[in-house]
N, C-alpha and C. Protein backbone atom coordinates (compact mmCIF):
# COMPACT_ATOMS: atom_id res chain seq x y z
N MET A 1 95.50 -19.22 -162.29
CA MET A 1 94.27 -18.46 -162.34
C MET A 1 93.21 -19.32 -162.99
N LYS A 2 92.07 -19.34 -162.37
CA LYS A 2 90.92 -20.09 -162.87
C LYS A 2 90.06 -19.15 -163.70
N THR A 3 89.64 -19.58 -164.89
CA THR A 3 88.78 -18.76 -165.73
C THR A 3 87.42 -19.41 -165.85
N MET A 4 86.39 -18.59 -165.68
CA MET A 4 85.01 -19.08 -165.76
C MET A 4 84.19 -18.09 -166.57
N THR A 5 83.10 -18.58 -167.13
CA THR A 5 82.17 -17.68 -167.80
C THR A 5 81.21 -17.12 -166.77
N ILE A 6 80.56 -16.03 -167.12
CA ILE A 6 79.58 -15.44 -166.21
C ILE A 6 78.44 -16.42 -165.92
N GLU A 7 78.10 -17.23 -166.91
CA GLU A 7 77.05 -18.22 -166.72
C GLU A 7 77.44 -19.26 -165.67
N GLN A 8 78.69 -19.70 -165.71
CA GLN A 8 79.19 -20.66 -164.72
C GLN A 8 79.16 -20.05 -163.33
N VAL A 9 79.57 -18.81 -163.22
CA VAL A 9 79.62 -18.14 -161.92
C VAL A 9 78.21 -17.93 -161.38
N ASN A 10 77.28 -17.59 -162.25
CA ASN A 10 75.90 -17.36 -161.82
C ASN A 10 75.26 -18.61 -161.21
N GLN A 11 75.74 -19.78 -161.57
CA GLN A 11 75.17 -21.01 -161.03
C GLN A 11 75.45 -21.15 -159.54
N ASP A 12 76.61 -20.71 -159.08
CA ASP A 12 76.95 -20.84 -157.66
C ASP A 12 78.08 -19.89 -157.29
N ILE A 13 77.74 -18.62 -157.15
CA ILE A 13 78.75 -17.60 -156.83
C ILE A 13 79.42 -17.86 -155.49
N SER A 14 78.68 -18.44 -154.54
CA SER A 14 79.25 -18.72 -153.21
C SER A 14 80.45 -19.65 -153.31
N SER A 15 80.35 -20.68 -154.13
CA SER A 15 81.48 -21.62 -154.23
C SER A 15 82.66 -20.98 -154.94
N VAL A 16 82.40 -20.06 -155.87
CA VAL A 16 83.48 -19.35 -156.56
C VAL A 16 84.22 -18.46 -155.57
N ILE A 17 83.48 -17.74 -154.76
CA ILE A 17 84.09 -16.87 -153.75
C ILE A 17 84.87 -17.70 -152.74
N ASN A 18 84.28 -18.78 -152.26
CA ASN A 18 84.96 -19.64 -151.29
C ASN A 18 86.22 -20.26 -151.88
N TYR A 19 86.19 -20.62 -153.16
CA TYR A 19 87.37 -21.15 -153.82
C TYR A 19 88.51 -20.13 -153.76
N SER A 20 88.22 -18.89 -154.12
CA SER A 20 89.25 -17.86 -154.11
C SER A 20 89.75 -17.58 -152.69
N LEU A 21 88.84 -17.52 -151.74
CA LEU A 21 89.24 -17.27 -150.35
C LEU A 21 90.11 -18.38 -149.79
N ASN A 22 89.79 -19.62 -150.13
CA ASN A 22 90.52 -20.77 -149.56
C ASN A 22 91.84 -21.05 -150.27
N THR A 23 91.92 -20.77 -151.56
CA THR A 23 93.13 -21.09 -152.33
C THR A 23 94.01 -19.88 -152.60
N HIS A 24 93.47 -18.68 -152.41
CA HIS A 24 94.14 -17.43 -152.78
C HIS A 24 94.46 -17.41 -154.28
N ASP A 25 93.68 -18.15 -155.04
CA ASP A 25 93.81 -18.16 -156.50
C ASP A 25 92.82 -17.15 -157.07
N GLU A 26 93.24 -16.46 -158.12
CA GLU A 26 92.36 -15.50 -158.76
C GLU A 26 91.34 -16.25 -159.62
N VAL A 27 90.14 -15.68 -159.71
CA VAL A 27 89.12 -16.24 -160.59
C VAL A 27 88.80 -15.17 -161.62
N ASN A 28 89.07 -15.49 -162.88
CA ASN A 28 88.80 -14.60 -164.00
C ASN A 28 87.40 -14.91 -164.50
N ILE A 29 86.51 -13.92 -164.44
CA ILE A 29 85.14 -14.10 -164.92
C ILE A 29 85.03 -13.41 -166.26
N ALA A 30 84.87 -14.22 -167.31
CA ALA A 30 84.84 -13.70 -168.67
C ALA A 30 83.40 -13.44 -169.11
N THR A 31 83.20 -12.26 -169.69
CA THR A 31 81.90 -11.91 -170.26
C THR A 31 82.11 -11.41 -171.68
N ASP A 32 81.04 -11.19 -172.38
CA ASP A 32 81.14 -10.64 -173.74
C ASP A 32 81.68 -9.21 -173.71
N SER A 33 81.49 -8.52 -172.59
CA SER A 33 81.92 -7.12 -172.47
C SER A 33 83.34 -6.96 -171.94
N GLY A 34 83.93 -8.04 -171.46
CA GLY A 34 85.26 -7.97 -170.86
C GLY A 34 85.36 -8.97 -169.73
N ALA A 35 86.31 -8.77 -168.86
CA ALA A 35 86.53 -9.71 -167.76
C ALA A 35 86.76 -8.95 -166.47
N VAL A 36 86.44 -9.63 -165.36
CA VAL A 36 86.75 -9.11 -164.03
C VAL A 36 87.44 -10.23 -163.26
N ILE A 37 88.16 -9.84 -162.22
CA ILE A 37 88.91 -10.80 -161.42
C ILE A 37 88.39 -10.78 -159.99
N ILE A 38 88.18 -11.96 -159.43
CA ILE A 38 87.85 -12.09 -158.01
C ILE A 38 89.11 -12.51 -157.29
N ILE A 39 89.48 -11.75 -156.25
CA ILE A 39 90.61 -12.11 -155.39
C ILE A 39 90.21 -11.81 -153.94
N PRO A 40 90.80 -12.50 -152.99
CA PRO A 40 90.50 -12.20 -151.59
C PRO A 40 90.92 -10.77 -151.23
N GLN A 41 90.18 -10.15 -150.34
CA GLN A 41 90.46 -8.78 -149.89
C GLN A 41 91.88 -8.66 -149.37
N GLU A 42 92.33 -9.66 -148.63
CA GLU A 42 93.69 -9.65 -148.05
C GLU A 42 94.74 -9.55 -149.16
N ASP A 43 94.55 -10.28 -150.25
CA ASP A 43 95.49 -10.23 -151.37
C ASP A 43 95.44 -8.88 -152.07
N TYR A 44 94.25 -8.35 -152.24
CA TYR A 44 94.08 -7.03 -152.86
C TYR A 44 94.78 -5.96 -152.03
N ASP A 45 94.56 -5.98 -150.71
CA ASP A 45 95.20 -5.00 -149.82
C ASP A 45 96.72 -5.09 -149.90
N SER A 46 97.24 -6.30 -149.97
CA SER A 46 98.69 -6.50 -150.07
C SER A 46 99.23 -5.92 -151.37
N MET A 47 98.51 -6.15 -152.47
CA MET A 47 98.95 -5.61 -153.75
C MET A 47 98.91 -4.09 -153.74
N GLN A 48 97.89 -3.51 -153.13
CA GLN A 48 97.79 -2.05 -153.06
C GLN A 48 98.94 -1.46 -152.25
N GLU A 49 99.29 -2.10 -151.15
CA GLU A 49 100.40 -1.63 -150.32
C GLU A 49 101.72 -1.71 -151.09
N THR A 50 101.92 -2.79 -151.82
CA THR A 50 103.13 -2.94 -152.65
C THR A 50 103.20 -1.83 -153.69
N LEU A 51 102.08 -1.54 -154.34
CA LEU A 51 102.06 -0.47 -155.34
C LEU A 51 102.37 0.89 -154.71
N ARG A 52 101.81 1.14 -153.52
CA ARG A 52 102.10 2.41 -152.84
C ARG A 52 103.59 2.54 -152.54
N LEU A 53 104.20 1.46 -152.07
CA LEU A 53 105.63 1.50 -151.76
C LEU A 53 106.48 1.70 -153.01
N LEU A 54 106.10 1.04 -154.09
CA LEU A 54 106.88 1.16 -155.33
C LEU A 54 106.71 2.53 -155.98
N MET A 55 105.61 3.20 -155.72
CA MET A 55 105.40 4.54 -156.28
C MET A 55 106.09 5.62 -155.46
N ASP A 56 106.48 5.30 -154.23
CA ASP A 56 107.20 6.24 -153.37
C ASP A 56 108.68 6.14 -153.71
N LYS A 57 109.25 7.19 -154.28
CA LYS A 57 110.64 7.15 -154.75
C LYS A 57 111.62 6.82 -153.63
N LYS A 58 111.38 7.34 -152.44
CA LYS A 58 112.29 7.09 -151.32
C LYS A 58 112.23 5.61 -150.90
N SER A 59 111.03 5.07 -150.82
CA SER A 59 110.88 3.65 -150.46
C SER A 59 111.47 2.74 -151.52
N LEU A 60 111.22 3.06 -152.79
CA LEU A 60 111.74 2.26 -153.88
C LEU A 60 113.27 2.29 -153.88
N SER A 61 113.84 3.45 -153.66
CA SER A 61 115.30 3.58 -153.62
C SER A 61 115.88 2.73 -152.50
N ALA A 62 115.26 2.77 -151.32
CA ALA A 62 115.74 1.97 -150.19
C ALA A 62 115.63 0.48 -150.48
N LEU A 63 114.54 0.09 -151.11
CA LEU A 63 114.36 -1.32 -151.47
C LEU A 63 115.43 -1.77 -152.46
N LEU A 64 115.66 -0.98 -153.49
CA LEU A 64 116.67 -1.34 -154.49
C LEU A 64 118.07 -1.37 -153.89
N GLN A 65 118.37 -0.42 -153.01
CA GLN A 65 119.68 -0.40 -152.35
C GLN A 65 119.84 -1.63 -151.48
N GLY A 66 118.78 -2.04 -150.81
CA GLY A 66 118.84 -3.26 -150.00
C GLY A 66 119.15 -4.49 -150.84
N HIS A 67 118.55 -4.57 -152.03
CA HIS A 67 118.84 -5.69 -152.93
C HIS A 67 120.29 -5.65 -153.40
N ILE A 68 120.77 -4.47 -153.73
CA ILE A 68 122.17 -4.32 -154.16
C ILE A 68 123.11 -4.75 -153.04
N ASN A 69 122.84 -4.30 -151.83
CA ASN A 69 123.68 -4.67 -150.68
C ASN A 69 123.65 -6.17 -150.45
N ARG A 70 122.46 -6.77 -150.52
CA ARG A 70 122.34 -8.22 -150.31
C ARG A 70 123.11 -8.98 -151.38
N ASP A 71 122.94 -8.59 -152.63
CA ASP A 71 123.58 -9.29 -153.74
C ASP A 71 125.10 -9.17 -153.71
N SER A 72 125.61 -8.06 -153.16
CA SER A 72 127.06 -7.87 -153.09
C SER A 72 127.64 -8.38 -151.78
N GLY A 73 126.79 -8.91 -150.91
CA GLY A 73 127.27 -9.45 -149.65
C GLY A 73 127.48 -8.42 -148.57
N ASN A 74 127.08 -7.19 -148.83
CA ASN A 74 127.23 -6.12 -147.83
C ASN A 74 125.97 -6.02 -146.99
N LEU A 75 125.82 -6.97 -146.10
CA LEU A 75 124.65 -6.97 -145.25
C LEU A 75 124.91 -6.12 -144.03
N SER A 76 123.98 -5.23 -143.75
CA SER A 76 124.15 -4.40 -142.56
C SER A 76 123.84 -5.22 -141.33
N LYS A 77 124.48 -4.85 -140.25
CA LYS A 77 124.23 -5.55 -138.99
C LYS A 77 122.84 -5.23 -138.52
N SER A 78 122.18 -6.25 -138.04
CA SER A 78 120.86 -6.01 -137.46
C SER A 78 120.96 -6.14 -135.96
N TYR A 79 120.14 -5.42 -135.30
CA TYR A 79 120.19 -5.40 -133.85
C TYR A 79 118.87 -5.90 -133.30
N SER A 80 118.95 -6.66 -132.25
CA SER A 80 117.77 -7.21 -131.60
C SER A 80 117.59 -6.52 -130.25
N ILE A 81 116.40 -6.18 -129.96
CA ILE A 81 116.13 -5.53 -128.68
C ILE A 81 115.86 -6.57 -127.63
């Protein structure tokens, strides 16, 4: 994660945005009032989807069971159409 001050970002916000878009690295913008993070929309959407899945008890249970099955070598057969 790259950290910059608000003054640094104000000098050339376009290059800061392009840096995050091209590298998928977060940019932490520090101010006296706190900090904000710039991330590409695609990364934000992915994180939101992950959070939605983890908050769904049924999805989380299936995910955890899949990890247990994989770790114990009990892989279910997959079928190809």
